[in-house]
C-alpha cells in the first residue's frame, strides 16, 4: 500500500496498484459519503477500494441495515447500538464478534435514514502475501470472500470498534468514476426481516461470498 501520508488528499486523487480490477485512478472518499442512507451507501461502496495498513481490496459485496424497521439490525434490540448511531459521526466503525468467532466490519451511515453497511467481501489487490499468511490459505478468491474472512485478512479486530475511520492514518477509501453493474439479493444468515433485498454485490464477481438468486438492480422484484 502507498504511504497515505504522502498522498495528496487535497486534490483527492490516489493511484491504485496496477493489479486492481477497478479504474487505476480513484478519488478519495470523505465523510460526506456516509451522510446518506445505508441503502445508498451499501450500493455506492461497490467498486470502491478499501485500504487498511499494507493490504487493500475492491469492495464487491455489502449489506445494509437500518436503525428503524429492520428487525435484523442490532439497533432493533441493542441500546448500545442505538446510542452508537446517535453519538458517533458518519463513517464510524462498528465492529462486533459474530457467533463468538469472526469480527465483522460495518460503517455507520447517517442520512435521513440511519444505520450500517456491512462489508461482506473484497477482491484483494494489495498485500496478498500478508493476507495469505493471516488466512493460512493460498487461494486468492477465498482470502476475503466473506465478512469474517476479510477482517482476518486485513487484520481488523475489536481494537478498531467505535473509531472514526477518517481519523485512521493507515486507512482510506477510494472510488472510481465508473460504477459497476450491481446485483441484489436477500441478506445472508438472516431470519428476521429476511424478505428485504438489502444485499448488494458486483454482478459476475468471482470474489463474493455467495452468488444466489441475483437480479440486476434495475429489474423488478418477482
Protein backbone atom coordinates (compact mmCIF):
# COMPACT_ATOMS: atom_id res chain seq x y z
CA UNK A 1 0.00 0.00 0.00
CA UNK A 2 1.25 3.52 -0.69
CA UNK A 3 2.21 5.73 2.21
CA UNK A 4 -1.04 7.59 2.82
CA UNK A 5 0.82 10.45 4.47
CA UNK A 6 2.41 11.22 1.09
CA UNK A 7 -0.82 11.07 -0.91
CA UNK A 8 -2.27 14.41 -1.98
CA UNK A 9 -5.75 14.19 -0.50
CA UNK A 10 -6.28 17.91 -1.02
CA UNK A 11 -6.79 17.17 -4.71
CA UNK A 12 -8.49 13.89 -3.73
CA UNK A 13 -6.53 11.68 -6.14
CA UNK A 14 -4.86 8.40 -5.28
CA UNK A 15 -3.20 5.85 -7.59
CA UNK A 16 -4.11 2.22 -7.02
CA UNK A 17 -1.87 -0.77 -7.63
CA UNK A 18 -1.79 -1.95 -11.27
CA UNK A 19 -3.41 -5.30 -10.45
CA UNK A 20 -6.57 -3.52 -9.25
CA UNK A 21 -9.69 -4.61 -11.12
CA UNK A 22 -11.04 -1.07 -10.81
CA UNK A 23 -10.02 2.03 -12.77
CA UNK A 24 -6.41 2.93 -11.90
CA UNK A 25 -7.34 6.49 -10.96
CA UNK A 26 -9.56 6.65 -7.91
CA UNK A 27 -10.72 9.64 -5.87
CA UNK A 28 -10.66 9.58 -2.08
CA UNK A 29 -13.92 9.24 -0.20
CA UNK A 30 -14.56 11.66 2.66
CA UNK A 31 -17.12 11.79 5.46
CA UNK A 32 -19.84 13.30 3.30
CA UNK A 33 -20.11 9.93 1.53
CA UNK A 34 -21.64 8.43 4.68
CA UNK A 35 -24.08 11.28 5.26
CA UNK A 36 -26.59 9.24 3.29
CA UNK A 37 -28.81 6.27 3.98
CA UNK A 38 -27.27 2.80 4.46
CA UNK A 39 -29.07 1.55 1.35
CA UNK A 40 -27.42 4.19 -0.82
CA UNK A 41 -24.00 3.79 0.79
CA UNK A 42 -24.13 -0.01 0.50
CA UNK A 43 -24.58 0.28 -3.27
CA UNK A 44 -22.15 3.15 -3.78
CA UNK A 45 -19.37 1.31 -1.91
CA UNK A 46 -19.31 -1.43 -4.53
CA UNK A 47 -16.24 -0.99 -6.70
CA UNK A 48 -14.56 1.21 -4.10
CA UNK A 49 -11.15 0.26 -2.75
CA UNK A 50 -10.64 -0.20 0.98
CA UNK A 51 -7.06 0.37 2.11
CA UNK A 52 -6.08 -0.98 5.52
CA UNK A 53 -2.44 -0.90 6.55
CA UNK A 54 -0.41 -2.80 3.95
CA UNK A 55 -3.47 -4.51 2.49
CA UNK A 56 -6.28 -3.39 0.21
CA UNK A 57 -9.23 -4.77 -1.70
CA UNK A 58 -12.03 -3.74 -4.01
CA UNK A 59 -15.39 -3.95 -2.24
CA UNK A 60 -17.52 -6.45 -4.16
CA UNK A 61 -20.31 -7.22 -1.67
CA UNK A 62 -22.19 -5.31 1.04
CA UNK A 63 -25.34 -5.46 3.14
CA UNK A 64 -27.44 -2.60 4.52
CA UNK A 65 -29.05 -2.47 7.98
CA UNK A 66 -31.30 0.35 9.14
CA UNK A 67 -32.00 1.79 12.56
CA UNK A 68 -35.77 1.52 12.22
CA UNK A 69 -37.98 -1.03 10.53
CA UNK A 70 -35.28 -3.68 10.32
CA UNK A 71 -35.54 -6.47 12.88
CA UNK A 72 -32.20 -7.91 11.74
CA UNK A 73 -30.39 -4.74 12.79
CA UNK A 74 -28.61 -4.59 16.14
CA UNK A 75 -30.36 -1.27 16.67
CA UNK A 76 -33.67 -3.12 16.90
CA UNK A 77 -32.65 -4.83 20.16
CA UNK A 78 -29.47 -3.22 21.49
CA UNK A 79 -29.43 0.08 23.33
CA UNK A 80 -25.65 0.26 22.82
CA UNK A 81 -26.15 0.26 19.06
CA UNK A 82 -28.83 2.96 19.21
CA UNK A 83 -26.51 5.15 21.28
CA UNK A 84 -23.68 4.42 18.86
CA UNK A 85 -25.80 5.73 15.98
CA UNK A 86 -26.80 8.80 17.98
CA UNK A 87 -23.34 9.74 19.25
CA UNK A 88 -20.89 8.68 16.55
CA UNK A 89 -20.11 10.53 13.31
CA UNK A 90 -20.86 9.18 9.83
CA UNK A 91 -18.08 6.78 8.88
CA UNK A 92 -17.51 5.49 12.39
CA UNK A 93 -16.55 1.81 12.55
CA UNK A 94 -18.97 -0.62 14.19
CA UNK A 95 -17.09 -3.88 14.69
CA UNK A 96 -18.53 -6.83 16.57
CA UNK A 97 -17.85 -10.52 17.13
CA UNK A 98 -20.24 -12.75 15.22
CA UNK A 99 -21.08 -16.13 16.79
CA UNK A 100 -18.02 -15.71 19.01
CA UNK A 101 -15.70 -16.37 16.06
CA UNK A 102 -15.49 -13.64 13.40
CA UNK A 103 -15.11 -9.88 13.62
CA UNK A 104 -17.44 -8.05 11.24
CA UNK A 105 -16.71 -4.63 9.78
CA UNK A 106 -19.51 -2.07 9.47
CA UNK A 107 -19.57 1.61 8.55
CA UNK A 108 -22.07 3.98 10.16
CA UNK A 109 -24.27 5.76 7.62
CA UNK A 110 -26.29 8.76 8.78
CA UNK A 111 -28.57 10.21 6.16
CA UNK A 112 -32.30 10.76 6.53
CA UNK A 113 -32.29 7.02 7.26
CA UNK A 114 -29.55 5.86 9.60
CA UNK A 115 -27.86 2.51 10.08
CA UNK A 116 -24.90 0.45 8.96
CA UNK A 117 -23.21 -1.01 5.93
CA UNK A 118 -21.64 -4.42 6.45
CA UNK A 119 -18.63 -5.09 4.22
CA UNK A 120 -19.18 -8.69 3.11
CA UNK A 121 -16.44 -9.36 0.56
CA UNK A 122 -13.40 -7.86 -1.13
CA UNK A 123 -11.36 -8.61 -4.21
CA UNK A 124 -7.76 -8.47 -2.90
CA UNK A 125 -5.49 -6.03 -4.74
CA UNK A 126 -2.64 -5.20 -2.32
CA UNK A 127 -0.77 -7.13 0.36
CA UNK A 128 -1.85 -10.58 -0.82
CA UNK A 129 1.12 -12.28 0.85
CA UNK A 130 0.10 -10.74 4.16
CA UNK A 131 -3.48 -11.86 3.62
CA UNK A 132 -2.39 -15.41 2.77
CA UNK A 133 -0.31 -15.60 5.94
CA UNK A 134 -3.15 -14.35 8.12
CA UNK A 135 -5.75 -16.53 6.45
CA UNK A 136 -3.45 -19.57 6.07
CA UNK A 137 -4.60 -20.19 2.54
CA UNK A 138 -3.09 -19.68 -0.91
CA UNK A 139 -6.42 -19.36 -2.71
CA UNK A 140 -6.80 -15.73 -3.76
CA UNK A 141 -10.57 -15.93 -4.27
CA UNK A 142 -11.02 -17.27 -0.76
CA UNK A 143 -8.97 -14.64 1.06
CA UNK A 144 -11.75 -12.09 1.53
CA UNK A 145 -14.89 -13.89 0.29
CA UNK A 146 -16.86 -13.36 3.47
CA UNK A 147 -17.15 -10.73 6.22
CA UNK A 148 -15.15 -12.76 8.75
CA UNK A 149 -12.53 -13.74 6.20
CA UNK A 150 -11.84 -10.17 5.13
CA UNK A 151 -11.36 -8.84 8.66
CA UNK A 152 -8.91 -11.65 9.33
CA UNK A 153 -7.08 -10.95 6.07
CA UNK A 154 -6.85 -7.22 6.78
CA UNK A 155 -6.13 -7.64 10.49
CA UNK A 156 -9.25 -5.86 11.72
CA UNK A 157 -10.37 -6.61 15.29
CA UNK A 158 -12.38 -5.03 18.12
CA UNK A 159 -9.44 -2.69 18.66
CA UNK A 160 -10.94 -0.50 15.95
CA UNK A 161 -14.53 -0.56 17.16
CA UNK A 162 -16.03 2.93 17.61
CA UNK A 163 -13.07 4.53 15.81
CA UNK A 164 -13.66 7.27 13.30
CA UNK A 165 -12.48 5.74 10.02
CA UNK A 166 -11.36 9.11 8.73
CA UNK A 167 -9.01 9.58 11.68
CA UNK A 168 -7.11 6.35 10.99
CA UNK A 169 -3.92 7.36 9.18
CA UNK A 170 -3.28 3.91 7.72
CA UNK A 171 -6.74 3.51 6.20
CA UNK A 172 -8.57 5.02 3.25
CA UNK A 173 -11.49 4.51 0.90
CA UNK A 174 -11.32 5.46 -2.75
CA UNK A 175 -13.67 5.10 -5.70
CA UNK A 176 -13.52 5.02 -9.47
CA UNK A 177 -15.57 7.18 -11.82
CA UNK A 178 -17.08 4.11 -13.46
CA UNK A 179 -19.75 2.31 -11.45
CA UNK A 180 -20.05 -1.48 -11.62
CA UNK A 181 -23.16 -3.44 -12.51
CA UNK A 182 -24.98 -4.27 -9.27
CA UNK A 183 -26.98 -7.38 -8.38
CA UNK A 184 -29.26 -7.61 -5.35
CA UNK A 185 -30.45 -10.41 -3.11
CA UNK A 186 -31.74 -11.12 0.36
CA UNK A 187 -29.21 -10.81 3.17
CA UNK A 188 -27.33 -13.91 4.26
CA UNK A 189 -27.92 -15.69 7.58
CA UNK A 190 -30.93 -13.52 8.43
CA UNK A 191 -34.11 -14.90 9.98
CA UNK A 192 -35.81 -11.59 10.81
CA UNK A 193 -36.74 -9.07 8.13
CA UNK A 194 -35.46 -11.81 5.85
CA UNK A 195 -37.55 -10.65 2.90
CA UNK A 196 -35.60 -7.43 2.48
CA UNK A 197 -33.31 -7.48 -0.55
CA UNK A 198 -30.60 -5.40 1.04
CA UNK A 199 -27.58 -7.40 -0.03
CA UNK A 200 -25.70 -5.85 -2.94
CA UNK A 201 -22.81 -7.25 -4.95
CA UNK A 202 -20.94 -6.70 -8.19
CA UNK A 203 -22.67 -8.78 -10.82
CA UNK A 204 -20.46 -11.58 -12.06
CA UNK A 205 -17.74 -11.12 -9.45
CA UNK A 206 -15.93 -14.32 -8.50
CA UNK A 207 -14.94 -12.87 -5.13
CA UNK A 208 -18.36 -12.59 -3.47
CA UNK A 209 -19.25 -14.79 -0.51
CA UNK A 210 -22.26 -16.31 -2.22
CA UNK A 211 -23.90 -15.66 -5.59
CA UNK A 212 -27.50 -16.77 -5.24
CA UNK A 213 -30.76 -15.68 -6.86
CA UNK A 214 -29.31 -12.38 -8.05
CA UNK A 215 -31.20 -9.91 -10.16
CA UNK A 216 -29.98 -6.70 -11.74
CA UNK A 217 -30.69 -3.60 -9.66
CA UNK A 218 -32.99 -2.18 -12.32
CA UNK A 219 -35.09 -5.35 -12.61
CA UNK A 220 -38.43 -5.53 -10.78
CA UNK A 221 -38.86 -7.84 -7.80
CA UNK A 222 -40.74 -11.07 -8.58
